[in-house]
Amino acid sequence: MLVNHEIDAVYWKEWDLFNIRGGITGFIALHLFLVFVILGGLVLVIRSEFWGPVMSVVMGAVGVFTFAIHAHYLRKGRPEFRVPLSLGILGAILVVSVLQLALAGAVLMG
């Protein structure tokens, strides 16, 4: 869901919302790195390595934060992400992230 949100974020020019330097170039450069981190975490999960659930907790926390920061800007009246699909993606990020945190936490707790 986070990857879908980032695709949506390009449409909404999220770099302007968060004042990311470099405009779209800076935004894409940042996401080149983030995609490798996400895919690396996925490999760790698939291989059932110890760091897989840890990475899953990190990504779950990122998802909750993503929802929260966008909810903050929506409450402030910002126009970005107000169409039904964008809002649905943000809501799905929250649901999936909370479930992911619970499941990964259960794995880590043994």
PDB file of N, CA and C in Angstrom:
ATOM      1  N   MET A   1       0.822  -1.199   0.000  1.00  0.00           N
ATOM      2  CA  MET A   1       0.000   0.000   0.000  1.00  0.00           C
ATOM      3  C   MET A   1       0.867   1.265   0.000  1.00  0.00           C
ATOM      4  N   LEU A   2       2.006   1.181   0.680  1.00  0.00           N
ATOM      5  CA  LEU A   2       2.887   2.351   0.685  1.00  0.00           C
ATOM      6  C   LEU A   2       3.409   2.662  -0.723  1.00  0.00           C
ATOM      7  N   VAL A   3       3.716   1.639  -1.491  1.00  0.00           N
ATOM      8  CA  VAL A   3       4.186   1.863  -2.857  1.00  0.00           C
ATOM      9  C   VAL A   3       3.072   2.500  -3.691  1.00  0.00           C
ATOM     10  N   ASN A   4       1.837   2.024  -3.540  1.00  0.00           N
ATOM     11  CA  ASN A   4       0.710   2.648  -4.250  1.00  0.00           C
ATOM     12  C   ASN A   4       0.563   4.108  -3.844  1.00  0.00           C
ATOM     13  N   HIS A   5       0.726   4.379  -2.560  1.00  0.00           N
ATOM     14  CA  HIS A   5       0.635   5.765  -2.097  1.00  0.00           C
ATOM     15  C   HIS A   5       1.718   6.630  -2.736  1.00  0.00           C
ATOM     16  N   GLU A   6       2.923   6.096  -2.852  1.00  0.00           N
ATOM     17  CA  GLU A   6       4.002   6.892  -3.427  1.00  0.00           C
ATOM     18  C   GLU A   6       3.763   7.183  -4.905  1.00  0.00           C
ATOM     19  N   ILE A   7       3.124   6.264  -5.599  1.00  0.00           N
ATOM     20  CA  ILE A   7       2.726   6.541  -6.984  1.00  0.00           C
ATOM     21  C   ILE A   7       1.718   7.693  -7.003  1.00  0.00           C
ATOM     22  N   ASP A   8       0.742   7.635  -6.103  1.00  0.00           N
ATOM     23  CA  ASP A   8      -0.251   8.700  -5.970  1.00  0.00           C
ATOM     24  C   ASP A   8       0.422  10.020  -5.572  1.00  0.00           C
ATOM     25  N   ALA A   9       1.460   9.917  -4.744  1.00  0.00           N
ATOM     26  CA  ALA A   9       2.158  11.110  -4.258  1.00  0.00           C
ATOM     27  C   ALA A   9       2.808  11.901  -5.383  1.00  0.00           C
ATOM     28  N   VAL A  10       3.213  11.227  -6.439  1.00  0.00           N
ATOM     29  CA  VAL A  10       3.791  11.939  -7.581  1.00  0.00           C
ATOM     30  C   VAL A  10       2.728  12.838  -8.215  1.00  0.00           C
ATOM     31  N   TYR A  11       1.522  12.307  -8.366  1.00  0.00           N
ATOM     32  CA  TYR A  11       0.431  13.115  -8.927  1.00  0.00           C
ATOM     33  C   TYR A  11       0.192  14.367  -8.082  1.00  0.00           C
ATOM     34  N   TRP A  12       0.200  14.194  -6.762  1.00  0.00           N
ATOM     35  CA  TRP A  12      -0.104  15.299  -5.857  1.00  0.00           C
ATOM     36  C   TRP A  12       1.099  16.185  -5.560  1.00  0.00           C
ATOM     37  N   LYS A  13       2.243  15.908  -6.181  1.00  0.00           N
ATOM     38  CA  LYS A  13       3.468  16.690  -5.965  1.00  0.00           C
ATOM     39  C   LYS A  13       3.798  16.785  -4.474  1.00  0.00           C
ATOM     40  N   GLU A  14       3.931  15.605  -3.869  1.00  0.00           N
ATOM     41  CA  GLU A  14       4.160  15.525  -2.429  1.00  0.00           C
ATOM     42  C   GLU A  14       5.432  16.258  -1.999  1.00  0.00           C
ATOM     43  N   TRP A  15       6.376  16.429  -2.899  1.00  0.00           N
ATOM     44  CA  TRP A  15       7.592  17.153  -2.559  1.00  0.00           C
ATOM     45  C   TRP A  15       7.268  18.589  -2.173  1.00  0.00           C
ATOM     46  N   ASP A  16       6.215  19.160  -2.729  1.00  0.00           N
ATOM     47  CA  ASP A  16       5.798  20.505  -2.322  1.00  0.00           C
ATOM     48  C   ASP A  16       5.159  20.485  -0.936  1.00  0.00           C
ATOM     49  N   LEU A  17       4.362  19.461  -0.660  1.00  0.00           N
ATOM     50  CA  LEU A  17       3.697  19.340   0.641  1.00  0.00           C
ATOM     51  C   LEU A  17       4.722  19.267   1.768  1.00  0.00           C
ATOM     52  N   PHE A  18       5.792  18.511   1.566  1.00  0.00           N
ATOM     53  CA  PHE A  18       6.800  18.302   2.602  1.00  0.00           C
ATOM     54  C   PHE A  18       8.079  19.111   2.385  1.00  0.00           C
ATOM     55  N   ASN A  19       8.055  20.018   1.428  1.00  0.00           N
ATOM     56  CA  ASN A  19       9.212  20.876   1.137  1.00  0.00           C
ATOM     57  C   ASN A  19      10.490  20.072   0.906  1.00  0.00           C
ATOM     58  N   ILE A  20      10.405  19.037   0.075  1.00  0.00           N
ATOM     59  CA  ILE A  20      11.562  18.228  -0.259  1.00  0.00           C
ATOM     60  C   ILE A  20      12.372  18.970  -1.312  1.00  0.00           C
ATOM     61  N   ARG A  21      13.637  19.193  -1.027  1.00  0.00           N
ATOM     62  CA  ARG A  21      14.501  19.920  -1.959  1.00  0.00           C
ATOM     63  C   ARG A  21      14.666  19.150  -3.264  1.00  0.00           C
ATOM     64  N   GLY A  22      14.797  19.889  -4.314  1.00  0.00           N
ATOM     65  CA  GLY A  22      15.066  19.285  -5.607  1.00  0.00           C
ATOM     66  C   GLY A  22      13.829  18.947  -6.403  1.00  0.00           C
ATOM     67  N   GLY A  23      12.650  19.270  -5.875  1.00  0.00           N
ATOM     68  CA  GLY A  23      11.417  19.003  -6.610  1.00  0.00           C
ATOM     69  C   GLY A  23      11.259  17.529  -6.918  1.00  0.00           C
ATOM     70  N   ILE A  24      10.771  17.251  -8.106  1.00  0.00           N
ATOM     71  CA  ILE A  24      10.525  15.859  -8.484  1.00  0.00           C
ATOM     72  C   ILE A  24      11.829  15.064  -8.550  1.00  0.00           C
ATOM     73  N   THR A  25      12.927  15.713  -8.929  1.00  0.00           N
ATOM     74  CA  THR A  25      14.210  15.011  -9.001  1.00  0.00           C
ATOM     75  C   THR A  25      14.632  14.524  -7.621  1.00  0.00           C
ATOM     76  N   GLY A  26      14.541  15.386  -6.628  1.00  0.00           N
ATOM     77  CA  GLY A  26      14.877  14.993  -5.259  1.00  0.00           C
ATOM     78  C   GLY A  26      13.937  13.921  -4.734  1.00  0.00           C
ATOM     79  N   PHE A  27      12.667  14.043  -5.069  1.00  0.00           N
ATOM     80  CA  PHE A  27      11.661  13.067  -4.636  1.00  0.00           C
ATOM     81  C   PHE A  27      11.967  11.687  -5.212  1.00  0.00           C
ATOM     82  N   ILE A  28      12.262  11.635  -6.501  1.00  0.00           N
ATOM     83  CA  ILE A  28      12.574  10.359  -7.147  1.00  0.00           C
ATOM     84  C   ILE A  28      13.887   9.792  -6.606  1.00  0.00           C
ATOM     85  N   ALA A  29      14.905  10.636  -6.417  1.00  0.00           N
ATOM     86  CA  ALA A  29      16.185  10.156  -5.874  1.00  0.00           C
ATOM     87  C   ALA A  29      15.984   9.533  -4.497  1.00  0.00           C
ATOM     88  N   LEU A  30      15.205  10.174  -3.651  1.00  0.00           N
ATOM     89  CA  LEU A  30      14.902   9.632  -2.323  1.00  0.00           C
ATOM     90  C   LEU A  30      14.212   8.279  -2.441  1.00  0.00           C
ATOM     91  N   HIS A  31      13.293   8.164  -3.371  1.00  0.00           N
ATOM     92  CA  HIS A  31      12.522   6.927  -3.511  1.00  0.00           C
ATOM     93  C   HIS A  31      13.312   5.803  -4.173  1.00  0.00           C
ATOM     94  N   LEU A  32      14.343   6.123  -4.936  1.00  0.00           N
ATOM     95  CA  LEU A  32      15.224   5.066  -5.442  1.00  0.00           C
ATOM     96  C   LEU A  32      15.825   4.309  -4.259  1.00  0.00           C
ATOM     97  N   PHE A  33      16.282   5.040  -3.273  1.00  0.00           N
ATOM     98  CA  PHE A  33      16.835   4.433  -2.055  1.00  0.00           C
ATOM     99  C   PHE A  33      15.759   3.667  -1.288  1.00  0.00           C
ATOM    100  N   LEU A  34      14.599   4.286  -1.103  1.00  0.00           N
ATOM    101  CA  LEU A  34      13.533   3.655  -0.315  1.00  0.00           C
ATOM    102  C   LEU A  34      13.026   2.359  -0.943  1.00  0.00           C
ATOM    103  N   VAL A  35      12.969   2.307  -2.260  1.00  0.00           N
ATOM    104  CA  VAL A  35      12.520   1.081  -2.929  1.00  0.00           C
ATOM    105  C   VAL A  35      13.476  -0.066  -2.627  1.00  0.00           C
ATOM    106  N   PHE A  36      14.774   0.200  -2.617  1.00  0.00           N
ATOM    107  CA  PHE A  36      15.742  -0.846  -2.282  1.00  0.00           C
ATOM    108  C   PHE A  36      15.599  -1.303  -0.839  1.00  0.00           C
ATOM    109  N   VAL A  37      15.327  -0.383   0.066  1.00  0.00           N
ATOM    110  CA  VAL A  37      15.119  -0.748   1.472  1.00  0.00           C
ATOM    111  C   VAL A  37      13.876  -1.629   1.609  1.00  0.00           C
ATOM    112  N   ILE A  38      12.788  -1.237   0.965  1.00  0.00           N
ATOM    113  CA  ILE A  38      11.540  -2.010   1.036  1.00  0.00           C
ATOM    114  C   ILE A  38      11.744  -3.400   0.436  1.00  0.00           C
ATOM    115  N   LEU A  39      12.355  -3.473  -0.730  1.00  0.00           N
ATOM    116  CA  LEU A  39      12.577  -4.774  -1.367  1.00  0.00           C
ATOM    117  C   LEU A  39      13.546  -5.637  -0.556  1.00  0.00           C
ATOM    118  N   GLY A  40      14.552  -5.015   0.021  1.00  0.00           N
ATOM    119  CA  GLY A  40      15.475  -5.757   0.887  1.00  0.00           C
ATOM    120  C   GLY A  40      14.758  -6.337   2.090  1.00  0.00           C
ATOM    121  N   GLY A  41      13.868  -5.565   2.686  1.00  0.00           N
ATOM    122  CA  GLY A  41      13.073  -6.067   3.804  1.00  0.00           C
ATOM    123  C   GLY A  41      12.175  -7.217   3.396  1.00  0.00           C
ATOM    124  N   LEU A  42      11.609  -7.121   2.203  1.00  0.00           N
ATOM    125  CA  LEU A  42      10.762  -8.201   1.700  1.00  0.00           C
ATOM    126  C   LEU A  42      11.562  -9.492   1.538  1.00  0.00           C
ATOM    127  N   VAL A  43      12.771  -9.388   1.039  1.00  0.00           N
ATOM    128  CA  VAL A  43      13.632 -10.570   0.887  1.00  0.00           C
ATOM    129  C   VAL A  43      13.905 -11.197   2.256  1.00  0.00           C
ATOM    130  N   LEU A  44      14.168 -10.365   3.260  1.00  0.00           N
ATOM    131  CA  LEU A  44      14.415 -10.885   4.611  1.00  0.00           C
ATOM    132  C   LEU A  44      13.189 -11.614   5.158  1.00  0.00           C
ATOM    133  N   VAL A  45      12.010 -11.087   4.888  1.00  0.00           N
ATOM    134  CA  VAL A  45      10.768 -11.741   5.338  1.00  0.00           C
ATOM    135  C   VAL A  45      10.602 -13.083   4.620  1.00  0.00           C
ATOM    136  N   ILE A  46      10.781 -13.083   3.310  1.00  0.00           N
ATOM    137  CA  ILE A  46      10.606 -14.311   2.520  1.00  0.00           C
ATOM    138  C   ILE A  46      11.588 -15.391   2.969  1.00  0.00           C
ATOM    139  N   ARG A  47      12.795 -14.996   3.305  1.00  0.00           N
ATOM    140  CA  ARG A  47      13.813 -15.959   3.741  1.00  0.00           C
ATOM    141  C   ARG A  47      13.653 -16.371   5.208  1.00  0.00           C
ATOM    142  N   SER A  48      12.674 -15.809   5.878  1.00  0.00           N
ATOM    143  CA  SER A  48      12.425 -16.084   7.304  1.00  0.00           C
ATOM    144  C   SER A  48      13.647 -15.785   8.166  1.00  0.00           C
ATOM    145  N   GLU A  49      14.363 -14.740   7.805  1.00  0.00           N
ATOM    146  CA  GLU A  49      15.514 -14.321   8.594  1.00  0.00           C
ATOM    147  C   GLU A  49      15.045 -13.458   9.761  1.00  0.00           C
ATOM    148  N   PHE A  50      15.840 -13.414  10.820  1.00  0.00           N
ATOM    149  CA  PHE A  50      15.467 -12.658  12.025  1.00  0.00           C
ATOM    150  C   PHE A  50      15.112 -11.211  11.698  1.00  0.00           C
ATOM    151  N   TRP A  51      15.881 -10.576  10.838  1.00  0.00           N
ATOM    152  CA  TRP A  51      15.657  -9.156  10.548  1.00  0.00           C
ATOM    153  C   TRP A  51      14.407  -8.909   9.708  1.00  0.00           C
ATOM    154  N   GLY A  52      13.808  -9.958   9.168  1.00  0.00           N
ATOM    155  CA  GLY A  52      12.567  -9.798   8.403  1.00  0.00           C
ATOM    156  C   GLY A  52      11.440  -9.219   9.234  1.00  0.00           C
ATOM    157  N   PRO A  53      11.108  -9.853  10.378  1.00  0.00           N
ATOM    158  CA  PRO A  53      10.058  -9.268  11.222  1.00  0.00           C
ATOM    159  C   PRO A  53      10.425  -7.896  11.775  1.00  0.00           C
ATOM    160  N   VAL A  54      11.708  -7.674  12.016  1.00  0.00           N
ATOM    161  CA  VAL A  54      12.140  -6.351  12.484  1.00  0.00           C
ATOM    162  C   VAL A  54      11.847  -5.314  11.403  1.00  0.00           C
ATOM    163  N   MET A  55      12.208  -5.639  10.174  1.00  0.00           N
ATOM    164  CA  MET A  55      11.932  -4.732   9.057  1.00  0.00           C
ATOM    165  C   MET A  55      10.425  -4.555   8.871  1.00  0.00           C
ATOM    166  N   SER A  56       9.678  -5.623   9.112  1.00  0.00           N
ATOM    167  CA  SER A  56       8.225  -5.545   9.002  1.00  0.00           C
ATOM    168  C   SER A  56       7.647  -4.583  10.042  1.00  0.00           C
ATOM    169  N   VAL A  57       8.201  -4.602  11.241  1.00  0.00           N
ATOM    170  CA  VAL A  57       7.769  -3.648  12.277  1.00  0.00           C
ATOM    171  C   VAL A  57       8.102  -2.220  11.842  1.00  0.00           C
ATOM    172  N   VAL A  58       9.291  -2.032  11.301  1.00  0.00           N
ATOM    173  CA  VAL A  58       9.687  -0.701  10.827  1.00  0.00           C
ATOM    174  C   VAL A  58       8.719  -0.210   9.751  1.00  0.00           C
ATOM    175  N   MET A  59       8.413  -1.077   8.789  1.00  0.00           N
ATOM    176  CA  MET A  59       7.507  -0.677   7.709  1.00  0.00           C
ATOM    177  C   MET A  59       6.094  -0.432   8.234  1.00  0.00           C
ATOM    178  N   GLY A  60       5.652  -1.226   9.208  1.00  0.00           N
ATOM    179  CA  GLY A  60       4.344  -0.989   9.816  1.00  0.00           C
ATOM    180  C   GLY A  60       4.297   0.371  10.491  1.00  0.00           C
ATOM    181  N   ALA A  61       5.377   0.708  11.196  1.00  0.00           N
ATOM    182  CA  ALA A  61       5.447   2.018  11.854  1.00  0.00           C
ATOM    183  C   ALA A  61       5.471   3.146  10.824  1.00  0.00           C
ATOM    184  N   VAL A  62       6.183   2.937   9.733  1.00  0.00           N
ATOM    185  CA  VAL A  62       6.208   3.934   8.647  1.00  0.00           C
ATOM    186  C   VAL A  62       4.797   4.133   8.090  1.00  0.00           C
ATOM    187  N   GLY A  63       4.061   3.036   7.944  1.00  0.00           N
ATOM    188  CA  GLY A  63       2.690   3.127   7.445  1.00  0.00           C
ATOM    189  C   GLY A  63       1.779   3.917   8.368  1.00  0.00           C
ATOM    190  N   VAL A  64       1.879   3.655   9.668  1.00  0.00           N
ATOM    191  CA  VAL A  64       1.062   4.398  10.640  1.00  0.00           C
ATOM    192  C   VAL A  64       1.445   5.878  10.608  1.00  0.00           C
ATOM    193  N   PHE A  65       2.747   6.163  10.547  1.00  0.00           N
ATOM    194  CA  PHE A  65       3.199   7.548  10.465  1.00  0.00           C
ATOM    195  C   PHE A  65       2.695   8.216   9.187  1.00  0.00           C
ATOM    196  N   THR A  66       2.768   7.485   8.061  1.00  0.00           N
ATOM    197  CA  THR A  66       2.296   8.026   6.784  1.00  0.00           C
ATOM    198  C   THR A  66       0.829   8.428   6.884  1.00  0.00           C
ATOM    199  N   PHE A  67       0.007   7.534   7.447  1.00  0.00           N
ATOM    200  CA  PHE A  67      -1.404   7.860   7.626  1.00  0.00           C
ATOM    201  C   PHE A  67      -1.552   9.100   8.508  1.00  0.00           C
ATOM    202  N   ALA A  68      -0.849   9.119   9.636  1.00  0.00           N
ATOM    203  CA  ALA A  68      -0.999  10.205  10.611  1.00  0.00           C
ATOM    204  C   ALA A  68      -0.588  11.558  10.035  1.00  0.00           C
ATOM    205  N   ILE A  69       0.535  11.614   9.327  1.00  0.00           N
ATOM    206  CA  ILE A  69       0.992  12.902   8.795  1.00  0.00           C
ATOM    207  C   ILE A  69       0.059  13.413   7.702  1.00  0.00           C
ATOM    208  N   HIS A  70      -0.468  12.499   6.888  1.00  0.00           N
ATOM    209  CA  HIS A  70      -1.408  12.934   5.856  1.00  0.00           C
ATOM    210  C   HIS A  70      -2.742  13.340   6.474  1.00  0.00           C
ATOM    211  N   ALA A  71      -3.179  12.644   7.508  1.00  0.00           N
ATOM    212  CA  ALA A  71      -4.410  13.034   8.207  1.00  0.00           C
ATOM    213  C   ALA A  71      -4.248  14.436   8.797  1.00  0.00           C
ATOM    214  N   HIS A  72      -3.071  14.716   9.319  1.00  0.00           N
ATOM    215  CA  HIS A  72      -2.783  16.052   9.862  1.00  0.00           C
ATOM    216  C   HIS A  72      -2.950  17.128   8.790  1.00  0.00           C
ATOM    217  N   TYR A  73      -2.345  16.900   7.632  1.00  0.00           N
ATOM    218  CA  TYR A  73      -2.450  17.883   6.551  1.00  0.00           C
ATOM    219  C   TYR A  73      -3.871  17.970   5.989  1.00  0.00           C
ATOM    220  N   LEU A  74      -4.576  16.864   5.951  1.00  0.00           N
ATOM    221  CA  LEU A  74      -5.979  16.909   5.506  1.00  0.00           C
ATOM    222  C   LEU A  74      -6.820  17.744   6.477  1.00  0.00           C
ATOM    223  N   ARG A  75      -6.591  17.561   7.775  1.00  0.00           N
ATOM    224  CA  ARG A  75      -7.324  18.360   8.781  1.00  0.00           C
ATOM    225  C   ARG A  75      -6.997  19.839   8.672  1.00  0.00           C
ATOM    226  N   LYS A  76      -5.768  20.149   8.245  1.00  0.00           N
ATOM    227  CA  LYS A  76      -5.375  21.548   8.069  1.00  0.00           C
ATOM    228  C   LYS A  76      -5.996  22.161   6.817  1.00  0.00           C
ATOM    229  N   GLY A  77      -6.675  21.329   6.004  1.00  0.00           N
ATOM    230  CA  GLY A  77      -7.351  21.842   4.818  1.00  0.00           C
ATOM    231  C   GLY A  77      -6.558  21.756   3.525  1.00  0.00           C
ATOM    232  N   ARG A  78      -5.430  21.063   3.542  1.00  0.00           N
ATOM    233  CA  ARG A  78      -4.659  20.913   2.312  1.00  0.00           C
ATOM    234  C   ARG A  78      -5.480  20.150   1.281  1.00  0.00           C
ATOM    235  N   PRO A  79      -5.359  20.512   0.001  1.00  0.00           N
ATOM    236  CA  PRO A  79      -6.186  19.879  -1.037  1.00  0.00           C
ATOM    237  C   PRO A  79      -5.665  18.530  -1.522  1.00  0.00           C
ATOM    238  N   GLU A  80      -4.400  18.211  -1.236  1.00  0.00           N
ATOM    239  CA  GLU A  80      -3.810  16.973  -1.747  1.00  0.00           C
ATOM    240  C   GLU A  80      -4.479  15.749  -1.112  1.00  0.00           C
ATOM    241  N   PHE A  81      -4.562  14.694  -1.878  1.00  0.00           N
ATOM    242  CA  PHE A  81      -5.018  13.376  -1.421  1.00  0.00           C
ATOM    243  C   PHE A  81      -6.486  13.373  -0.977  1.00  0.00           C
ATOM    244  N   ARG A  82      -7.315  14.232  -1.550  1.00  0.00           N
ATOM    245  CA  ARG A  82      -8.722  14.310  -1.139  1.00  0.00           C
ATOM    246  C   ARG A  82      -9.670  13.505  -2.012  1.00  0.00           C
ATOM    247  N   VAL A  83      -9.189  12.925  -3.101  1.00  0.00           N
ATOM    248  CA  VAL A  83     -10.079  12.124  -3.947  1.00  0.00           C
ATOM    249  C   VAL A  83     -10.298  10.760  -3.276  1.00  0.00           C
ATOM    250  N   PRO A  84     -11.422  10.109  -3.563  1.00  0.00           N
ATOM    251  CA  PRO A  84     -11.747   8.853  -2.868  1.00  0.00           C
ATOM    252  C   PRO A  84     -10.651   7.785  -2.939  1.00  0.00           C
ATOM    253  N   LEU A  85     -10.014   7.609  -4.090  1.00  0.00           N
ATOM    254  CA  LEU A  85      -8.990   6.571  -4.180  1.00  0.00           C
ATOM    255  C   LEU A  85      -7.783   6.906  -3.304  1.00  0.00           C
ATOM    256  N   SER A  86      -7.360   8.152  -3.298  1.00  0.00           N
ATOM    257  CA  SER A  86      -6.239   8.564  -2.443  1.00  0.00           C
ATOM    258  C   SER A  86      -6.572   8.347  -0.971  1.00  0.00           C
ATOM    259  N   LEU A  87      -7.775   8.741  -0.584  1.00  0.00           N
ATOM    260  CA  LEU A  87      -8.205   8.534   0.810  1.00  0.00           C
ATOM    261  C   LEU A  87      -8.300   7.044   1.138  1.00  0.00           C
ATOM    262  N   GLY A  88      -8.771   6.252   0.174  1.00  0.00           N
ATOM    263  CA  GLY A  88      -8.862   4.806   0.376  1.00  0.00           C
ATOM    264  C   GLY A  88      -7.492   4.172   0.569  1.00  0.00           C
ATOM    265  N   ILE A  89      -6.530   4.621  -0.217  1.00  0.00           N
ATOM    266  CA  ILE A  89      -5.161   4.112  -0.070  1.00  0.00           C
ATOM    267  C   ILE A  89      -4.617   4.467   1.304  1.00  0.00           C
ATOM    268  N   LEU A  90      -4.830   5.700   1.743  1.00  0.00           N
ATOM    269  CA  LEU A  90      -4.357   6.095   3.072  1.00  0.00           C
ATOM    270  C   LEU A  90      -5.026   5.271   4.166  1.00  0.00           C
ATOM    271  N   GLY A  91      -6.332   5.042   4.046  1.00  0.00           N
ATOM    272  CA  GLY A  91      -7.034   4.212   5.026  1.00  0.00           C
ATOM    273  C   GLY A  91      -6.524   2.781   5.016  1.00  0.00           C
ATOM    274  N   ALA A  92      -6.279   2.255   3.824  1.00  0.00           N
ATOM    275  CA  ALA A  92      -5.756   0.889   3.710  1.00  0.00           C
ATOM    276  C   ALA A  92      -4.351   0.790   4.299  1.00  0.00           C
ATOM    277  N   ILE A  93      -3.552   1.836   4.133  1.00  0.00           N
ATOM    278  CA  ILE A  93      -2.216   1.850   4.740  1.00  0.00           C
ATOM    279  C   ILE A  93      -2.331   1.697   6.248  1.00  0.00           C
ATOM    280  N   LEU A  94      -3.262   2.411   6.855  1.00  0.00           N
ATOM    281  CA  LEU A  94      -3.422   2.311   8.306  1.00  0.00           C
ATOM    282  C   LEU A  94      -3.828   0.902   8.717  1.00  0.00           C
ATOM    283  N   VAL A  95      -4.822   0.343   8.061  1.00  0.00           N
ATOM    284  CA  VAL A  95      -5.311  -0.998   8.411  1.00  0.00           C
ATOM    285  C   VAL A  95      -4.202  -2.034   8.228  1.00  0.00           C
ATOM    286  N   VAL A  96      -3.568  -2.028   7.068  1.00  0.00           N
ATOM    287  CA  VAL A  96      -2.511  -3.005   6.781  1.00  0.00           C
ATOM    288  C   VAL A  96      -1.342  -2.826   7.749  1.00  0.00           C
ATOM    289  N   SER A  97      -0.995  -1.596   8.048  1.00  0.00           N
ATOM    290  CA  SER A  97       0.143  -1.343   8.941  1.00  0.00           C
ATOM    291  C   SER A  97      -0.126  -1.816  10.366  1.00  0.00           C
ATOM    292  N   VAL A  98      -1.329  -1.589  10.858  1.00  0.00           N
ATOM    293  CA  VAL A  98      -1.666  -2.058  12.208  1.00  0.00           C
ATOM    294  C   VAL A  98      -1.633  -3.591  12.256  1.00  0.00           C
ATOM    295  N   LEU A  99      -2.197  -4.227  11.240  1.00  0.00           N
ATOM    296  CA  LEU A  99      -2.139  -5.695  11.180  1.00  0.00           C
ATOM    297  C   LEU A  99      -0.697  -6.181  11.065  1.00  0.00           C
ATOM    298  N   GLN A 100       0.078  -5.521  10.241  1.00  0.00           N
ATOM    299  CA  GLN A 100       1.480  -5.891  10.063  1.00  0.00           C
ATOM    300  C   GLN A 100       2.250  -5.759  11.375  1.00  0.00           C
ATOM    301  N   LEU A 101       2.008  -4.673  12.108  1.00  0.00           N
ATOM    302  CA  LEU A 101       2.670  -4.497  13.397  1.00  0.00           C
ATOM    303  C   LEU A 101       2.291  -5.607  14.373  1.00  0.00           C
ATOM    304  N   ALA A 102       1.013  -5.959  14.404  1.00  0.00           N
ATOM    305  CA  ALA A 102       0.561  -7.013  15.315  1.00  0.00           C
ATOM    306  C   ALA A 102       1.188  -8.360  14.961  1.00  0.00           C
ATOM    307  N   LEU A 103       1.185  -8.705  13.675  1.00  0.00           N
ATOM    308  CA  LEU A 103       1.728  -9.998  13.249  1.00  0.00           C
ATOM    309  C   LEU A 103       3.243 -10.056  13.425  1.00  0.00           C
ATOM    310  N   ALA A 104       3.937  -9.017  13.025  1.00  0.00           N
ATOM    311  CA  ALA A 104       5.389  -9.016  13.167  1.00  0.00           C
ATOM    312  C   ALA A 104       5.787  -8.988  14.639  1.00  0.00           C
ATOM    313  N   GLY A 105       5.027  -8.245  15.436  1.00  0.00           N
ATOM    314  CA  GLY A 105       5.288  -8.223  16.867  1.00  0.00           C
ATOM    315  C   GLY A 105       5.114  -9.592  17.498  1.00  0.00           C
ATOM    316  N   ALA A 106       4.078 -10.307  17.056  1.00  0.00           N
ATOM    317  CA  ALA A 106       3.847 -11.661  17.571  1.00  0.00           C
ATOM    318  C   ALA A 106       4.986 -12.599  17.203  1.00  0.00           C
ATOM    319  N   VAL A 107       5.503 -12.462  15.993  1.00  0.00           N
ATOM    320  CA  VAL A 107       6.638 -13.288  15.558  1.00  0.00           C
ATOM    321  C   VAL A 107       7.874 -12.965  16.400  1.00  0.00           C
ATOM    322  N   LEU A 108       8.129 -11.692  16.628  1.00  0.00           N
ATOM    323  CA  LEU A 108       9.303 -11.292  17.410  1.00  0.00           C
ATOM    324  C   LEU A 108       9.197 -11.713  18.878  1.00  0.00           C
ATOM    325  N   MET A 109       7.976 -11.722  19.411  1.00  0.00           N
ATOM    326  CA  MET A 109       7.782 -12.088  20.815  1.00  0.00           C
ATOM    327  C   MET A 109       7.826 -13.598  21.010  1.00  0.00           C
ATOM    328  N   GLY A 110       7.788 -14.297  19.889  1.00  0.00           N
ATOM    329  CA  GLY A 110       7.941 -15.748  19.974  1.00  0.00           C
ATOM    330  C   GLY A 110       6.687 -16.491  20.058  1.00  0.00           C
TER     331      GLY A 110
END
